[in-house]
Amino acid sequence: MMEQECRIARYRRLEREVTDPLAACLLHGIVEELEAELRKERPDWHGPRD
């Protein structure tokens, strides 16, 4: 599951770095889907601790 958290972090970083609004929106959707998957697997997971 640590791999899933790394994927989420990678997509979040990309979302912050892109300048195209459509790309940012698509990446945001990917992050939301990955987080939802992770919450199903680990109900105690509440996201990054930034």
N, C-alpha and C. Protein backbone atom coordinates (compact mmCIF):
# COMPACT_ATOMS: atom_id res chain seq x y z
N MET A 1 0.81 -1.19 0.00
CA MET A 1 0.00 0.00 0.00
C MET A 1 0.86 1.26 0.00
N MET A 2 2.09 1.11 0.40
CA MET A 2 3.00 2.24 0.34
C MET A 2 3.19 2.67 -1.12
N GLU A 3 3.13 1.69 -2.03
CA GLU A 3 3.26 1.99 -3.45
C GLU A 3 2.11 2.91 -3.91
N GLN A 4 0.91 2.63 -3.42
CA GLN A 4 -0.26 3.44 -3.77
C GLN A 4 -0.07 4.88 -3.26
N GLU A 5 0.46 5.03 -2.06
CA GLU A 5 0.70 6.36 -1.50
C GLU A 5 1.75 7.11 -2.34
N CYS A 6 2.74 6.40 -2.82
CA CYS A 6 3.76 7.02 -3.68
C CYS A 6 3.15 7.48 -5.00
N ARG A 7 2.26 6.67 -5.56
CA ARG A 7 1.58 7.06 -6.80
C ARG A 7 0.75 8.32 -6.58
N ILE A 8 0.05 8.38 -5.46
CA ILE A 8 -0.77 9.55 -5.15
C ILE A 8 0.12 10.78 -5.04
N ALA A 9 1.24 10.66 -4.34
CA ALA A 9 2.16 11.79 -4.17
C ALA A 9 2.71 12.24 -5.52
N ARG A 10 3.02 11.29 -6.39
CA ARG A 10 3.57 11.62 -7.71
C ARG A 10 2.54 12.39 -8.55
N TYR A 11 1.29 11.92 -8.54
CA TYR A 11 0.25 12.61 -9.31
C TYR A 11 -0.07 13.98 -8.71
N ARG A 12 -0.01 14.11 -7.40
CA ARG A 12 -0.24 15.42 -6.77
C ARG A 12 0.83 16.42 -7.20
N ARG A 13 2.07 15.93 -7.23
CA ARG A 13 3.17 16.80 -7.65
C ARG A 13 2.98 17.24 -9.09
N LEU A 14 2.61 16.31 -9.95
CA LEU A 14 2.35 16.66 -11.35
C LEU A 14 1.22 17.66 -11.46
N GLU A 15 0.17 17.46 -10.65
CA GLU A 15 -0.98 18.36 -10.68
C GLU A 15 -0.57 19.79 -10.35
N ARG A 16 0.35 19.94 -9.40
CA ARG A 16 0.83 21.28 -9.02
C ARG A 16 1.72 21.90 -10.09
N GLU A 17 2.43 21.04 -10.85
CA GLU A 17 3.42 21.54 -11.79
C GLU A 17 2.87 21.86 -13.18
N VAL A 18 1.78 21.21 -13.58
CA VAL A 18 1.28 21.45 -14.94
C VAL A 18 0.68 22.84 -15.07
N THR A 19 0.77 23.37 -16.28
CA THR A 19 0.20 24.70 -16.53
C THR A 19 -1.10 24.63 -17.33
N ASP A 20 -1.37 23.48 -17.89
CA ASP A 20 -2.60 23.29 -18.66
C ASP A 20 -3.75 22.97 -17.71
N PRO A 21 -4.80 23.79 -17.69
CA PRO A 21 -5.92 23.56 -16.76
C PRO A 21 -6.62 22.21 -16.96
N LEU A 22 -6.72 21.77 -18.20
CA LEU A 22 -7.34 20.47 -18.46
C LEU A 22 -6.50 19.34 -17.86
N ALA A 23 -5.21 19.41 -18.06
CA ALA A 23 -4.31 18.40 -17.50
C ALA A 23 -4.40 18.39 -15.98
N ALA A 24 -4.44 19.57 -15.37
CA ALA A 24 -4.55 19.66 -13.92
C ALA A 24 -5.85 19.03 -13.44
N CYS A 25 -6.92 19.27 -14.16
CA CYS A 25 -8.23 18.72 -13.80
C CYS A 25 -8.22 17.19 -13.91
N LEU A 26 -7.63 16.68 -14.97
CA LEU A 26 -7.55 15.23 -15.15
C LEU A 26 -6.69 14.58 -14.07
N LEU A 27 -5.57 15.22 -13.74
CA LEU A 27 -4.71 14.69 -12.70
C LEU A 27 -5.41 14.72 -11.34
N HIS A 28 -6.17 15.77 -11.09
CA HIS A 28 -6.92 15.86 -9.84
C HIS A 28 -7.92 14.69 -9.73
N GLY A 29 -8.57 14.38 -10.84
CA GLY A 29 -9.50 13.25 -10.85
C GLY A 29 -8.79 11.93 -10.57
N ILE A 30 -7.61 11.77 -11.12
CA ILE A 30 -6.82 10.56 -10.88
C ILE A 30 -6.48 10.46 -9.39
N VAL A 31 -6.04 11.57 -8.81
CA VAL A 31 -5.68 11.59 -7.39
C VAL A 31 -6.89 11.21 -6.54
N GLU A 32 -8.04 11.77 -6.85
CA GLU A 32 -9.25 11.46 -6.08
C GLU A 32 -9.61 9.98 -6.17
N GLU A 33 -9.49 9.40 -7.36
CA GLU A 33 -9.78 7.98 -7.53
C GLU A 33 -8.81 7.10 -6.75
N LEU A 34 -7.53 7.44 -6.82
CA LEU A 34 -6.52 6.66 -6.09
C LEU A 34 -6.74 6.76 -4.59
N GLU A 35 -7.08 7.95 -4.11
CA GLU A 35 -7.33 8.12 -2.68
C GLU A 35 -8.56 7.34 -2.24
N ALA A 36 -9.60 7.33 -3.06
CA ALA A 36 -10.81 6.57 -2.73
C ALA A 36 -10.49 5.08 -2.64
N GLU A 37 -9.69 4.59 -3.58
CA GLU A 37 -9.28 3.19 -3.56
C GLU A 37 -8.53 2.86 -2.28
N LEU A 38 -7.61 3.75 -1.93
CA LEU A 38 -6.80 3.52 -0.74
C LEU A 38 -7.65 3.55 0.52
N ARG A 39 -8.63 4.45 0.58
CA ARG A 39 -9.52 4.51 1.75
C ARG A 39 -10.35 3.24 1.88
N LYS A 40 -10.71 2.62 0.76
CA LYS A 40 -11.45 1.35 0.81
C LYS A 40 -10.57 0.26 1.42
N GLU A 41 -9.30 0.25 1.00
CA GLU A 41 -8.37 -0.77 1.49
C GLU A 41 -7.94 -0.50 2.92
N ARG A 42 -7.79 0.78 3.25
CA ARG A 42 -7.31 1.17 4.58
C ARG A 42 -8.20 2.30 5.12
N PRO A 43 -9.28 1.98 5.77
CA PRO A 43 -10.20 3.00 6.27
C PRO A 43 -9.54 4.00 7.23
N ASP A 44 -8.42 3.62 7.83
CA ASP A 44 -7.73 4.51 8.76
C ASP A 44 -6.87 5.55 8.02
N TRP A 45 -6.72 5.42 6.70
CA TRP A 45 -5.89 6.35 5.94
C TRP A 45 -6.67 7.63 5.68
N HIS A 46 -6.06 8.76 6.01
CA HIS A 46 -6.75 10.06 5.86
C HIS A 46 -6.00 11.03 4.98
N GLY A 47 -5.07 10.57 4.19
CA GLY A 47 -4.36 11.45 3.29
C GLY A 47 -3.01 11.86 3.82
N PRO A 48 -2.33 12.71 3.05
CA PRO A 48 -0.97 13.12 3.43
C PRO A 48 -0.99 14.00 4.67
N ARG A 49 0.13 14.05 5.31
CA ARG A 49 0.27 14.84 6.53
C ARG A 49 1.02 16.14 6.27
N ASP A 50 0.79 16.76 5.13
CA ASP A 50 1.48 18.01 4.74
C ASP A 50 1.10 19.13 5.66
